[in-house]
Amino acid sequence: MTLMKQLTANDEFVGYYLLKELEVKQTNGTPPKDYFDIVLCDASGQMSAKYWDVTPTDKETFFPMELVKVQGIVQTYRERLQVKVFRIRKVTPEDGVTLTDFIRSAPIRPVDLVHMIKQAIHSITDEEIRTVVSFCVAKVEEKLMHYPAAKTHHHAYFAGLAYHIVRMLEIGEFICKQRPFLNPDYIKAGIILHDIAKPEEMIAQLGIVSDYSVQGKLIGHISMVSNWITEAAIRCEYDLQSEKIIGLQHLVLSHHNLGEWGSPVQPQMAEAVALHHIDAMDAKLQMVEDALDTTPETEPWTPMIRGLENKAIYRLKG
């Protein structure tokens, strides 16, 4: 079977794919006709697709997060590859394929990622900070085993959030050795806490986000984590006005840096400045890595990456 990553312009193909997204739209013709606006994916990548010959039965047959067998051709539309679907059907047991074969996943086992996060928590020397972090992580520990870090931008796959945290912890460890004035406890705490409410912000299955929760839409993960820190302090009878509790809240509230990016305050602690840039570095480099990994090696340029100001990345030869 041809992997999504291997498909190039003018390729005709038949294969099994996950119907990641599906929306019924209408053409501009008179009269307008229904068509499927689709995103097909497998473990190697994804591609938008159009199925023009939609029938009323099709609209009652096909739904997102199902496996399908597709016959189609790859075309170029506005300088991006897109599939024109000729035929599509749902997978049957006789096809011998399973859903987990078609999802992207972190390159490290989720159980190992969570174990590394717990080790980092255990290494926090300050008991109050360690207790607050443990309280917040416990709220989502089960979901941490499989939730992505985002819907599309970065680490948007199975166990992506845990992988993002672990990679940030590795960067944080190096930064603390290079810059001894930084407090390692706050760096570790900020890294672990900064996105820990994402599993409550998003609705996801097999690492694929289908929507945002009511809390996610109305409050957002940054404010949610700040509230969790307050809840932990109250439960443990810590002073809500203590420097440690306020410091942890500041780390979380400022990690996006700017108001238009979701942060109500800008970083005003050394550790908060470090956290913002550690987060940005890991997220942006992962965007680049994911784009290169999911772009055919015959293509010198990746598609434009929204999180990098819509820049495409050039693949160096040799």
C-alpha atoms as a PDB file:
ATOM      1  CA  MET A   1       0.000   0.000   0.000  1.00  0.00           C
ATOM      2  CA  THR A   2       1.260   3.489  -0.870  1.00  0.00           C
ATOM      3  CA  LEU A   3       1.960   5.644   2.185  1.00  0.00           C
ATOM      4  CA  MET A   4       0.512   9.143   2.187  1.00  0.00           C
ATOM      5  CA  LYS A   5       4.034  10.555   2.423  1.00  0.00           C
ATOM      6  CA  GLN A   6       5.016   8.776  -0.803  1.00  0.00           C
ATOM      7  CA  LEU A   7       2.238  10.244  -2.944  1.00  0.00           C
ATOM      8  CA  THR A   8       3.310  12.889  -5.463  1.00  0.00           C
ATOM      9  CA  ALA A   9       1.542  14.912  -8.157  1.00  0.00           C
ATOM     10  CA  ASN A  10      -0.248  12.858 -10.842  1.00  0.00           C
ATOM     11  CA  ASP A  11       0.037   9.595  -8.863  1.00  0.00           C
ATOM     12  CA  GLU A  12      -2.962   7.313  -9.274  1.00  0.00           C
ATOM     13  CA  PHE A  13      -3.362   5.057  -6.273  1.00  0.00           C
ATOM     14  CA  VAL A  14      -5.544   2.675  -4.284  1.00  0.00           C
ATOM     15  CA  GLY A  15      -5.072   2.343  -0.538  1.00  0.00           C
ATOM     16  CA  TYR A  16      -6.464   2.307   2.963  1.00  0.00           C
ATOM     17  CA  TYR A  17      -6.565   5.539   4.958  1.00  0.00           C
ATOM     18  CA  LEU A  18      -8.135   7.124   8.013  1.00  0.00           C
ATOM     19  CA  LEU A  19     -10.939   9.562   7.264  1.00  0.00           C
ATOM     20  CA  LYS A  20      -9.567  12.155   9.669  1.00  0.00           C
ATOM     21  CA  GLU A  21     -11.961  14.960   8.728  1.00  0.00           C
ATOM     22  CA  LEU A  22     -15.109  15.096   6.622  1.00  0.00           C
ATOM     23  CA  GLU A  23     -17.412  17.983   5.861  1.00  0.00           C
ATOM     24  CA  VAL A  24     -20.283  18.137   3.376  1.00  0.00           C
ATOM     25  CA  LYS A  25     -20.029  21.264   1.237  1.00  0.00           C
ATOM     26  CA  GLN A  26     -21.706  22.554  -1.907  1.00  0.00           C
ATOM     27  CA  THR A  27     -20.289  23.605  -5.253  1.00  0.00           C
ATOM     28  CA  ASN A  28     -20.906  27.076  -6.681  1.00  0.00           C
ATOM     29  CA  GLY A  29     -22.746  25.706  -9.708  1.00  0.00           C
ATOM     30  CA  THR A  30     -26.437  26.028 -10.545  1.00  0.00           C
ATOM     31  CA  PRO A  31     -27.904  24.039  -9.030  1.00  0.00           C
ATOM     32  CA  PRO A  32     -25.230  23.513  -6.332  1.00  0.00           C
ATOM     33  CA  LYS A  33     -24.113  19.937  -5.739  1.00  0.00           C
ATOM     34  CA  ASP A  34     -22.940  18.319  -2.537  1.00  0.00           C
ATOM     35  CA  TYR A  35     -19.340  17.153  -2.205  1.00  0.00           C
ATOM     36  CA  PHE A  36     -17.079  15.833   0.557  1.00  0.00           C
ATOM     37  CA  ASP A  37     -14.239  18.031   1.776  1.00  0.00           C
ATOM     38  CA  ILE A  38     -11.948  15.426   3.346  1.00  0.00           C
ATOM     39  CA  VAL A  39      -8.641  14.992   5.116  1.00  0.00           C
ATOM     40  CA  LEU A  40      -7.134  11.538   4.578  1.00  0.00           C
ATOM     41  CA  CYS A  41      -4.251  10.346   6.722  1.00  0.00           C
ATOM     42  CA  ASP A  42      -2.088   7.428   7.741  1.00  0.00           C
ATOM     43  CA  ALA A  43       0.860   7.157  10.111  1.00  0.00           C
ATOM     44  CA  SER A  44       3.149   8.904   7.603  1.00  0.00           C
ATOM     45  CA  GLY A  45       1.102  12.062   7.028  1.00  0.00           C
ATOM     46  CA  GLN A  46      -2.117  13.550   5.740  1.00  0.00           C
ATOM     47  CA  MET A  47      -3.565  15.214   2.645  1.00  0.00           C
ATOM     48  CA  SER A  48      -6.739  17.089   1.813  1.00  0.00           C
ATOM     49  CA  ALA A  49      -9.106  15.427  -0.638  1.00  0.00           C
ATOM     50  CA  LYS A  50     -12.305  16.093  -2.552  1.00  0.00           C
ATOM     51  CA  TYR A  51     -15.003  13.585  -3.439  1.00  0.00           C
ATOM     52  CA  TRP A  52     -17.348  15.225  -5.905  1.00  0.00           C
ATOM     53  CA  ASP A  53     -19.888  12.512  -6.680  1.00  0.00           C
ATOM     54  CA  VAL A  54     -21.631  12.430  -3.305  1.00  0.00           C
ATOM     55  CA  THR A  55     -24.994  10.700  -3.064  1.00  0.00           C
ATOM     56  CA  PRO A  56     -27.587  10.899  -0.264  1.00  0.00           C
ATOM     57  CA  THR A  57     -26.496   7.389   0.744  1.00  0.00           C
ATOM     58  CA  ASP A  58     -22.856   8.518   0.969  1.00  0.00           C
ATOM     59  CA  LYS A  59     -23.836  11.238   3.437  1.00  0.00           C
ATOM     60  CA  GLU A  60     -25.365   8.600   5.688  1.00  0.00           C
ATOM     61  CA  THR A  61     -22.444   6.178   5.260  1.00  0.00           C
ATOM     62  CA  PHE A  62     -19.188   8.056   5.800  1.00  0.00           C
ATOM     63  CA  PHE A  63     -18.131   9.759   9.028  1.00  0.00           C
ATOM     64  CA  PRO A  64     -14.853  11.068  10.508  1.00  0.00           C
ATOM     65  CA  MET A  65     -12.480   8.713  12.333  1.00  0.00           C
ATOM     66  CA  GLU A  66     -13.357   5.717  10.165  1.00  0.00           C
ATOM     67  CA  LEU A  67     -11.111   3.665   7.915  1.00  0.00           C
ATOM     68  CA  VAL A  68     -11.813   3.768   4.196  1.00  0.00           C
ATOM     69  CA  LYS A  69     -10.439   2.276   1.002  1.00  0.00           C
ATOM     70  CA  VAL A  70      -9.819   4.986  -1.584  1.00  0.00           C
ATOM     71  CA  GLN A  71      -9.056   5.069  -5.280  1.00  0.00           C
ATOM     72  CA  GLY A  72      -7.898   8.452  -6.486  1.00  0.00           C
ATOM     73  CA  ILE A  73      -5.341  10.673  -8.137  1.00  0.00           C
ATOM     74  CA  VAL A  74      -3.043  13.299  -6.632  1.00  0.00           C
ATOM     75  CA  GLN A  75      -3.424  16.747  -8.151  1.00  0.00           C
ATOM     76  CA  THR A  76      -1.866  20.148  -7.466  1.00  0.00           C
ATOM     77  CA  TYR A  77      -4.210  22.892  -6.289  1.00  0.00           C
ATOM     78  CA  ARG A  78      -2.841  26.302  -5.288  1.00  0.00           C
ATOM     79  CA  GLU A  79       0.656  24.830  -5.090  1.00  0.00           C
ATOM     80  CA  ARG A  80      -0.442  22.112  -2.654  1.00  0.00           C
ATOM     81  CA  LEU A  81      -1.101  18.435  -3.237  1.00  0.00           C
ATOM     82  CA  GLN A  82      -4.716  17.361  -3.086  1.00  0.00           C
ATOM     83  CA  VAL A  83      -6.460  14.053  -3.787  1.00  0.00           C
ATOM     84  CA  LYS A  84      -9.341  13.732  -6.208  1.00  0.00           C
ATOM     85  CA  VAL A  85     -11.274  10.691  -5.003  1.00  0.00           C
ATOM     86  CA  PHE A  86     -12.719   8.442  -7.708  1.00  0.00           C
ATOM     87  CA  ARG A  87     -14.113   5.716  -5.451  1.00  0.00           C
ATOM     88  CA  ILE A  88     -14.434   5.290  -1.696  1.00  0.00           C
ATOM     89  CA  ARG A  89     -15.812   2.585   0.559  1.00  0.00           C
ATOM     90  CA  LYS A  90     -15.696   1.705   4.225  1.00  0.00           C
ATOM     91  CA  VAL A  91     -13.179  -0.873   5.391  1.00  0.00           C
ATOM     92  CA  THR A  92     -14.493  -4.352   6.133  1.00  0.00           C
ATOM     93  CA  PRO A  93     -13.047  -7.007   8.495  1.00  0.00           C
ATOM     94  CA  GLU A  94     -11.857  -8.926   5.434  1.00  0.00           C
ATOM     95  CA  ASP A  95      -9.464  -6.063   4.590  1.00  0.00           C
ATOM     96  CA  GLY A  96      -7.362  -6.982   7.634  1.00  0.00           C
ATOM     97  CA  VAL A  97      -6.500  -3.418   8.698  1.00  0.00           C
ATOM     98  CA  THR A  98      -6.974  -1.784  12.105  1.00  0.00           C
ATOM     99  CA  LEU A  99      -7.387   1.823  13.187  1.00  0.00           C
ATOM    100  CA  THR A 100      -4.160   1.965  15.207  1.00  0.00           C
ATOM    101  CA  ASP A 101      -2.144   1.205  12.065  1.00  0.00           C
ATOM    102  CA  PHE A 102      -3.123   4.587  10.649  1.00  0.00           C
ATOM    103  CA  ILE A 103      -2.406   7.056  13.433  1.00  0.00           C
ATOM    104  CA  ARG A 104       0.755   9.023  14.080  1.00  0.00           C
ATOM    105  CA  SER A 105       2.320   8.513  17.473  1.00  0.00           C
ATOM    106  CA  ALA A 106       5.182   9.890  19.550  1.00  0.00           C
ATOM    107  CA  PRO A 107       8.455   8.050  18.818  1.00  0.00           C
ATOM    108  CA  ILE A 108       8.761   7.037  22.496  1.00  0.00           C
ATOM    109  CA  ARG A 109       6.294   4.710  24.249  1.00  0.00           C
ATOM    110  CA  PRO A 110       3.648   6.683  26.191  1.00  0.00           C
ATOM    111  CA  VAL A 111       4.310   4.676  29.374  1.00  0.00           C
ATOM    112  CA  ASP A 112       7.976   5.678  29.204  1.00  0.00           C
ATOM    113  CA  LEU A 113       7.128   9.321  28.591  1.00  0.00           C
ATOM    114  CA  VAL A 114       4.832   9.471  31.614  1.00  0.00           C
ATOM    115  CA  HIS A 115       7.482   7.722  33.700  1.00  0.00           C
ATOM    116  CA  MET A 116      10.039  10.389  32.716  1.00  0.00           C
ATOM    117  CA  ILE A 117       7.601  13.147  33.667  1.00  0.00           C
ATOM    118  CA  LYS A 118       7.040  11.523  37.064  1.00  0.00           C
ATOM    119  CA  GLN A 119      10.789  11.266  37.565  1.00  0.00           C
ATOM    120  CA  ALA A 120      11.103  14.977  36.869  1.00  0.00           C
ATOM    121  CA  ILE A 121       8.356  15.726  39.405  1.00  0.00           C
ATOM    122  CA  HIS A 122      10.120  13.565  41.998  1.00  0.00           C
ATOM    123  CA  SER A 123      13.358  15.508  41.398  1.00  0.00           C
ATOM    124  CA  ILE A 124      11.751  18.847  42.346  1.00  0.00           C
ATOM    125  CA  THR A 125      13.398  19.625  45.681  1.00  0.00           C
ATOM    126  CA  ASP A 126      10.844  22.113  47.031  1.00  0.00           C
ATOM    127  CA  GLU A 127       8.012  20.167  48.647  1.00  0.00           C
ATOM    128  CA  GLU A 128       5.339  22.822  48.060  1.00  0.00           C
ATOM    129  CA  ILE A 129       6.142  23.165  44.362  1.00  0.00           C
ATOM    130  CA  ARG A 130       6.404  19.386  43.949  1.00  0.00           C
ATOM    131  CA  THR A 131       3.028  18.852  45.650  1.00  0.00           C
ATOM    132  CA  VAL A 132       1.249  21.421  43.478  1.00  0.00           C
ATOM    133  CA  VAL A 133       2.706  19.934  40.283  1.00  0.00           C
ATOM    134  CA  SER A 134       1.756  16.409  41.351  1.00  0.00           C
ATOM    135  CA  PHE A 135      -1.801  17.528  42.110  1.00  0.00           C
ATOM    136  CA  CYS A 136      -2.240  19.078  38.656  1.00  0.00           C
ATOM    137  CA  VAL A 137      -0.701  16.139  36.765  1.00  0.00           C
ATOM    138  CA  ALA A 138      -2.901  13.667  38.656  1.00  0.00           C
ATOM    139  CA  LYS A 139      -5.979  15.344  37.162  1.00  0.00           C
ATOM    140  CA  VAL A 140      -5.044  14.217  33.649  1.00  0.00           C
ATOM    141  CA  GLU A 141      -2.596  11.359  34.162  1.00  0.00           C
ATOM    142  CA  GLU A 142      -4.688   8.802  32.282  1.00  0.00           C
ATOM    143  CA  LYS A 143      -5.251  11.144  29.323  1.00  0.00           C
ATOM    144  CA  LEU A 144      -1.580  12.118  29.331  1.00  0.00           C
ATOM    145  CA  MET A 145      -0.871   8.625  27.988  1.00  0.00           C
ATOM    146  CA  HIS A 146      -2.468   9.430  24.636  1.00  0.00           C
ATOM    147  CA  TYR A 147      -3.435  13.103  24.235  1.00  0.00           C
ATOM    148  CA  PRO A 148      -1.834  15.361  21.608  1.00  0.00           C
ATOM    149  CA  ALA A 149      -0.319  18.732  22.491  1.00  0.00           C
ATOM    150  CA  ALA A 150      -2.420  20.623  19.941  1.00  0.00           C
ATOM    151  CA  LYS A 151      -5.054  20.185  17.246  1.00  0.00           C
ATOM    152  CA  THR A 152      -2.781  21.012  14.313  1.00  0.00           C
ATOM    153  CA  HIS A 153       0.273  23.147  15.121  1.00  0.00           C
ATOM    154  CA  HIS A 154       2.741  20.868  16.899  1.00  0.00           C
ATOM    155  CA  HIS A 155       2.910  17.406  18.490  1.00  0.00           C
ATOM    156  CA  ALA A 156      -0.598  16.850  17.115  1.00  0.00           C
ATOM    157  CA  TYR A 157      -0.562  13.088  17.469  1.00  0.00           C
ATOM    158  CA  PHE A 158      -0.953  10.200  19.919  1.00  0.00           C
ATOM    159  CA  ALA A 159       0.962  10.981  23.180  1.00  0.00           C
ATOM    160  CA  GLY A 160       2.180  14.233  21.654  1.00  0.00           C
ATOM    161  CA  LEU A 161       1.633  16.247  24.842  1.00  0.00           C
ATOM    162  CA  ALA A 162       3.763  13.932  26.987  1.00  0.00           C
ATOM    163  CA  TYR A 163       6.446  13.899  24.271  1.00  0.00           C
ATOM    164  CA  HIS A 164       6.422  17.722  24.148  1.00  0.00           C
ATOM    165  CA  ILE A 165       6.845  17.939  27.924  1.00  0.00           C
ATOM    166  CA  VAL A 166       9.716  15.430  27.976  1.00  0.00           C
ATOM    167  CA  ARG A 167      11.570  17.162  25.145  1.00  0.00           C
ATOM    168  CA  MET A 168      11.145  20.499  26.954  1.00  0.00           C
ATOM    169  CA  LEU A 169      12.484  18.956  30.169  1.00  0.00           C
ATOM    170  CA  GLU A 170      15.606  17.911  28.270  1.00  0.00           C
ATOM    171  CA  ILE A 171      16.094  21.463  26.985  1.00  0.00           C
ATOM    172  CA  GLY A 172      15.364  22.856  30.438  1.00  0.00           C
ATOM    173  CA  GLU A 173      18.000  20.640  32.048  1.00  0.00           C
ATOM    174  CA  PHE A 174      20.626  21.955  29.636  1.00  0.00           C
ATOM    175  CA  ILE A 175      19.563  25.594  30.107  1.00  0.00           C
ATOM    176  CA  CYS A 176      19.770  25.298  33.892  1.00  0.00           C
ATOM    177  CA  LYS A 177      23.311  23.932  33.656  1.00  0.00           C
ATOM    178  CA  GLN A 178      24.320  26.695  31.270  1.00  0.00           C
ATOM    179  CA  ARG A 179      22.540  29.432  33.277  1.00  0.00           C
ATOM    180  CA  PRO A 180      22.964  28.603  36.985  1.00  0.00           C
ATOM    181  CA  PHE A 181      20.970  31.671  38.064  1.00  0.00           C
ATOM    182  CA  LEU A 182      17.799  29.883  36.939  1.00  0.00           C
ATOM    183  CA  ASN A 183      15.878  27.917  39.570  1.00  0.00           C
ATOM    184  CA  PRO A 184      15.573  24.321  38.287  1.00  0.00           C
ATOM    185  CA  ASP A 185      12.474  23.635  40.404  1.00  0.00           C
ATOM    186  CA  TYR A 186      10.542  26.450  38.721  1.00  0.00           C
ATOM    187  CA  ILE A 187      11.826  25.468  35.273  1.00  0.00           C
ATOM    188  CA  LYS A 188      10.687  21.854  35.733  1.00  0.00           C
ATOM    189  CA  ALA A 189       7.386  22.921  37.254  1.00  0.00           C
ATOM    190  CA  GLY A 190       6.659  25.443  34.509  1.00  0.00           C
ATOM    191  CA  ILE A 191       7.448  22.939  31.770  1.00  0.00           C
ATOM    192  CA  ILE A 192       5.223  20.249  33.248  1.00  0.00           C
ATOM    193  CA  LEU A 193       2.361  22.615  34.100  1.00  0.00           C
ATOM    194  CA  HIS A 194       2.305  24.932  31.080  1.00  0.00           C
ATOM    195  CA  ASP A 195       0.060  22.722  28.881  1.00  0.00           C
ATOM    196  CA  ILE A 196      -1.117  20.152  31.420  1.00  0.00           C
ATOM    197  CA  ALA A 197      -4.775  21.205  31.044  1.00  0.00           C
ATOM    198  CA  LYS A 198      -4.769  20.540  27.285  1.00  0.00           C
ATOM    199  CA  PRO A 199      -6.526  17.164  27.791  1.00  0.00           C
ATOM    200  CA  GLU A 200      -9.416  19.036  29.429  1.00  0.00           C
ATOM    201  CA  GLU A 201      -9.355  21.775  26.783  1.00  0.00           C
ATOM    202  CA  MET A 202      -9.613  19.438  23.788  1.00  0.00           C
ATOM    203  CA  ILE A 203     -11.759  16.477  22.794  1.00  0.00           C
ATOM    204  CA  ALA A 204      -9.538  13.854  21.186  1.00  0.00           C
ATOM    205  CA  GLN A 205      -9.600  10.241  20.071  1.00  0.00           C
ATOM    206  CA  LEU A 206      -6.439   8.314  19.173  1.00  0.00           C
ATOM    207  CA  GLY A 207      -4.440  11.542  19.321  1.00  0.00           C
ATOM    208  CA  ILE A 208      -6.709  13.380  16.876  1.00  0.00           C
ATOM    209  CA  VAL A 209      -8.621  16.419  18.139  1.00  0.00           C
ATOM    210  CA  SER A 210     -12.204  16.646  16.921  1.00  0.00           C
ATOM    211  CA  ASP A 211     -13.287  19.710  18.892  1.00  0.00           C
ATOM    212  CA  TYR A 212     -12.680  21.817  21.980  1.00  0.00           C
ATOM    213  CA  SER A 213     -14.545  21.248  25.230  1.00  0.00           C
ATOM    214  CA  VAL A 214     -16.871  23.867  26.718  1.00  0.00           C
ATOM    215  CA  GLN A 215     -14.158  24.673  29.275  1.00  0.00           C
ATOM    216  CA  GLY A 216     -11.597  24.868  26.505  1.00  0.00           C
ATOM    217  CA  LYS A 217     -13.689  27.313  24.504  1.00  0.00           C
ATOM    218  CA  LEU A 218     -14.807  29.494  27.407  1.00  0.00           C
ATOM    219  CA  ILE A 219     -11.747  29.397  29.690  1.00  0.00           C
ATOM    220  CA  GLY A 220      -8.764  27.844  27.892  1.00  0.00           C
ATOM    221  CA  HIS A 221      -5.915  25.698  29.171  1.00  0.00           C
ATOM    222  CA  ILE A 222      -3.824  28.581  30.520  1.00  0.00           C
ATOM    223  CA  SER A 223      -6.514  29.860  32.885  1.00  0.00           C
ATOM    224  CA  MET A 224      -7.546  26.312  33.748  1.00  0.00           C
ATOM    225  CA  VAL A 225      -4.055  25.426  34.998  1.00  0.00           C
ATOM    226  CA  SER A 226      -3.861  28.645  37.010  1.00  0.00           C
ATOM    227  CA  ASN A 227      -7.130  27.639  38.670  1.00  0.00           C
ATOM    228  CA  TRP A 228      -5.748  24.158  39.368  1.00  0.00           C
ATOM    229  CA  ILE A 229      -2.736  25.691  41.105  1.00  0.00           C
ATOM    230  CA  THR A 230      -5.113  27.690  43.298  1.00  0.00           C
ATOM    231  CA  GLU A 231      -7.143  24.540  43.991  1.00  0.00           C
ATOM    232  CA  ALA A 232      -3.984  22.633  44.962  1.00  0.00           C
ATOM    233  CA  ALA A 233      -2.921  25.421  47.321  1.00  0.00           C
ATOM    234  CA  ILE A 234      -6.321  25.457  49.026  1.00  0.00           C
ATOM    235  CA  ARG A 235      -6.397  21.656  49.363  1.00  0.00           C
ATOM    236  CA  CYS A 236      -2.902  21.618  50.875  1.00  0.00           C
ATOM    237  CA  GLU A 237      -3.530  24.742  52.997  1.00  0.00           C
ATOM    238  CA  TYR A 238      -0.760  26.717  51.335  1.00  0.00           C
ATOM    239  CA  ASP A 239      -0.768  30.510  51.402  1.00  0.00           C
ATOM    240  CA  LEU A 240      -2.426  31.695  48.173  1.00  0.00           C
ATOM    241  CA  GLN A 241      -0.343  34.873  48.357  1.00  0.00           C
ATOM    242  CA  SER A 242       2.960  33.066  48.778  1.00  0.00           C
ATOM    243  CA  GLU A 243       5.731  33.738  46.293  1.00  0.00           C
ATOM    244  CA  LYS A 244       5.782  30.090  45.262  1.00  0.00           C
ATOM    245  CA  ILE A 245       2.091  29.875  44.366  1.00  0.00           C
ATOM    246  CA  ILE A 246       2.093  33.232  42.581  1.00  0.00           C
ATOM    247  CA  GLY A 247       5.344  32.277  40.849  1.00  0.00           C
ATOM    248  CA  LEU A 248       3.851  29.037  39.509  1.00  0.00           C
ATOM    249  CA  GLN A 249       0.760  30.879  38.310  1.00  0.00           C
ATOM    250  CA  HIS A 250       2.914  33.492  36.591  1.00  0.00           C
ATOM    251  CA  LEU A 251       4.889  30.803  34.762  1.00  0.00           C
ATOM    252  CA  VAL A 252       1.702  29.336  33.339  1.00  0.00           C
ATOM    253  CA  LEU A 253      -0.091  32.620  32.641  1.00  0.00           C
ATOM    254  CA  SER A 254       2.867  34.158  30.790  1.00  0.00           C
ATOM    255  CA  HIS A 255       4.212  31.239  28.783  1.00  0.00           C
ATOM    256  CA  HIS A 256       2.570  32.362  25.504  1.00  0.00           C
ATOM    257  CA  ASN A 257       4.295  35.735  26.014  1.00  0.00           C
ATOM    258  CA  LEU A 258       1.732  38.047  24.385  1.00  0.00           C
ATOM    259  CA  GLY A 259      -1.940  38.795  24.896  1.00  0.00           C
ATOM    260  CA  GLU A 260      -2.779  38.058  21.260  1.00  0.00           C
ATOM    261  CA  TRP A 261      -1.206  34.634  21.765  1.00  0.00           C
ATOM    262  CA  GLY A 262      -3.324  33.930  24.858  1.00  0.00           C
ATOM    263  CA  SER A 263      -1.186  35.134  27.782  1.00  0.00           C
ATOM    264  CA  PRO A 264      -2.769  37.745  30.098  1.00  0.00           C
ATOM    265  CA  VAL A 265       0.692  38.796  31.300  1.00  0.00           C
ATOM    266  CA  GLN A 266       4.174  38.817  29.793  1.00  0.00           C
ATOM    267  CA  PRO A 267       7.089  36.923  31.373  1.00  0.00           C
ATOM    268  CA  GLN A 268       8.482  38.917  34.299  1.00  0.00           C
ATOM    269  CA  MET A 269      10.541  36.216  36.030  1.00  0.00           C
ATOM    270  CA  ALA A 270      13.798  34.803  34.673  1.00  0.00           C
ATOM    271  CA  GLU A 271      12.286  31.322  34.697  1.00  0.00           C
ATOM    272  CA  ALA A 272       9.200  32.605  32.859  1.00  0.00           C
ATOM    273  CA  VAL A 273      11.365  34.070  30.088  1.00  0.00           C
ATOM    274  CA  ALA A 274      13.199  30.756  29.816  1.00  0.00           C
ATOM    275  CA  LEU A 275       9.944  28.759  29.804  1.00  0.00           C
ATOM    276  CA  HIS A 276       8.462  30.783  26.951  1.00  0.00           C
ATOM    277  CA  HIS A 277      11.497  30.259  24.743  1.00  0.00           C
ATOM    278  CA  ILE A 278      11.915  26.584  25.650  1.00  0.00           C
ATOM    279  CA  ASP A 279       8.275  26.030  24.698  1.00  0.00           C
ATOM    280  CA  ALA A 280       8.610  28.001  21.469  1.00  0.00           C
ATOM    281  CA  MET A 281      11.841  26.252  20.490  1.00  0.00           C
ATOM    282  CA  ASP A 282      10.466  22.760  20.966  1.00  0.00           C
ATOM    283  CA  ALA A 283       7.138  23.563  19.293  1.00  0.00           C
ATOM    284  CA  LYS A 284       8.669  25.249  16.242  1.00  0.00           C
ATOM    285  CA  LEU A 285      11.389  22.658  15.717  1.00  0.00           C
ATOM    286  CA  GLN A 286       8.746  19.938  15.973  1.00  0.00           C
ATOM    287  CA  MET A 287       6.698  21.725  13.306  1.00  0.00           C
ATOM    288  CA  VAL A 288       9.745  21.639  11.049  1.00  0.00           C
ATOM    289  CA  GLU A 289      10.526  17.996  11.837  1.00  0.00           C
ATOM    290  CA  ASP A 290       6.922  16.934  11.259  1.00  0.00           C
ATOM    291  CA  ALA A 291       6.752  18.828   7.961  1.00  0.00           C
ATOM    292  CA  LEU A 292       9.968  17.226   6.718  1.00  0.00           C
ATOM    293  CA  ASP A 293       8.875  13.770   7.890  1.00  0.00           C
ATOM    294  CA  THR A 294       5.511  13.980   6.126  1.00  0.00           C
ATOM    295  CA  THR A 295       6.757  15.559   2.876  1.00  0.00           C
ATOM    296  CA  PRO A 296       7.911  13.184   0.119  1.00  0.00           C
ATOM    297  CA  GLU A 297      11.699  13.114  -0.041  1.00  0.00           C
ATOM    298  CA  THR A 298      11.485  13.981  -3.729  1.00  0.00           C
ATOM    299  CA  GLU A 299       9.968  17.357  -2.801  1.00  0.00           C
ATOM    300  CA  PRO A 300      12.618  19.988  -1.945  1.00  0.00           C
ATOM    301  CA  TRP A 301      10.135  22.223  -0.101  1.00  0.00           C
ATOM    302  CA  THR A 302       7.610  21.373   2.591  1.00  0.00           C
ATOM    303  CA  PRO A 303       4.118  22.883   2.488  1.00  0.00           C
ATOM    304  CA  MET A 304       3.793  26.247   4.200  1.00  0.00           C
ATOM    305  CA  ILE A 305       3.805  25.920   7.999  1.00  0.00           C
ATOM    306  CA  ARG A 306       1.236  28.141   9.660  1.00  0.00           C
ATOM    307  CA  GLY A 307       3.081  28.222  12.991  1.00  0.00           C
ATOM    308  CA  LEU A 308       6.196  29.536  11.233  1.00  0.00           C
ATOM    309  CA  GLU A 309       4.509  32.576   9.690  1.00  0.00           C
ATOM    310  CA  ASN A 310       3.436  30.467   6.703  1.00  0.00           C
ATOM    311  CA  LYS A 311       7.018  29.756   5.662  1.00  0.00           C
ATOM    312  CA  ALA A 312       7.948  26.587   3.802  1.00  0.00           C
ATOM    313  CA  ILE A 313      11.114  24.717   4.789  1.00  0.00           C
ATOM    314  CA  TYR A 314      13.786  23.732   2.273  1.00  0.00           C
ATOM    315  CA  ARG A 315      15.332  20.281   2.563  1.00  0.00           C
ATOM    316  CA  LEU A 316      19.110  20.387   2.216  1.00  0.00           C
ATOM    317  CA  LYS A 317      20.573  17.706  -0.040  1.00  0.00           C
ATOM    318  CA  GLY A 318      23.280  15.337   1.193  1.00  0.00           C
END
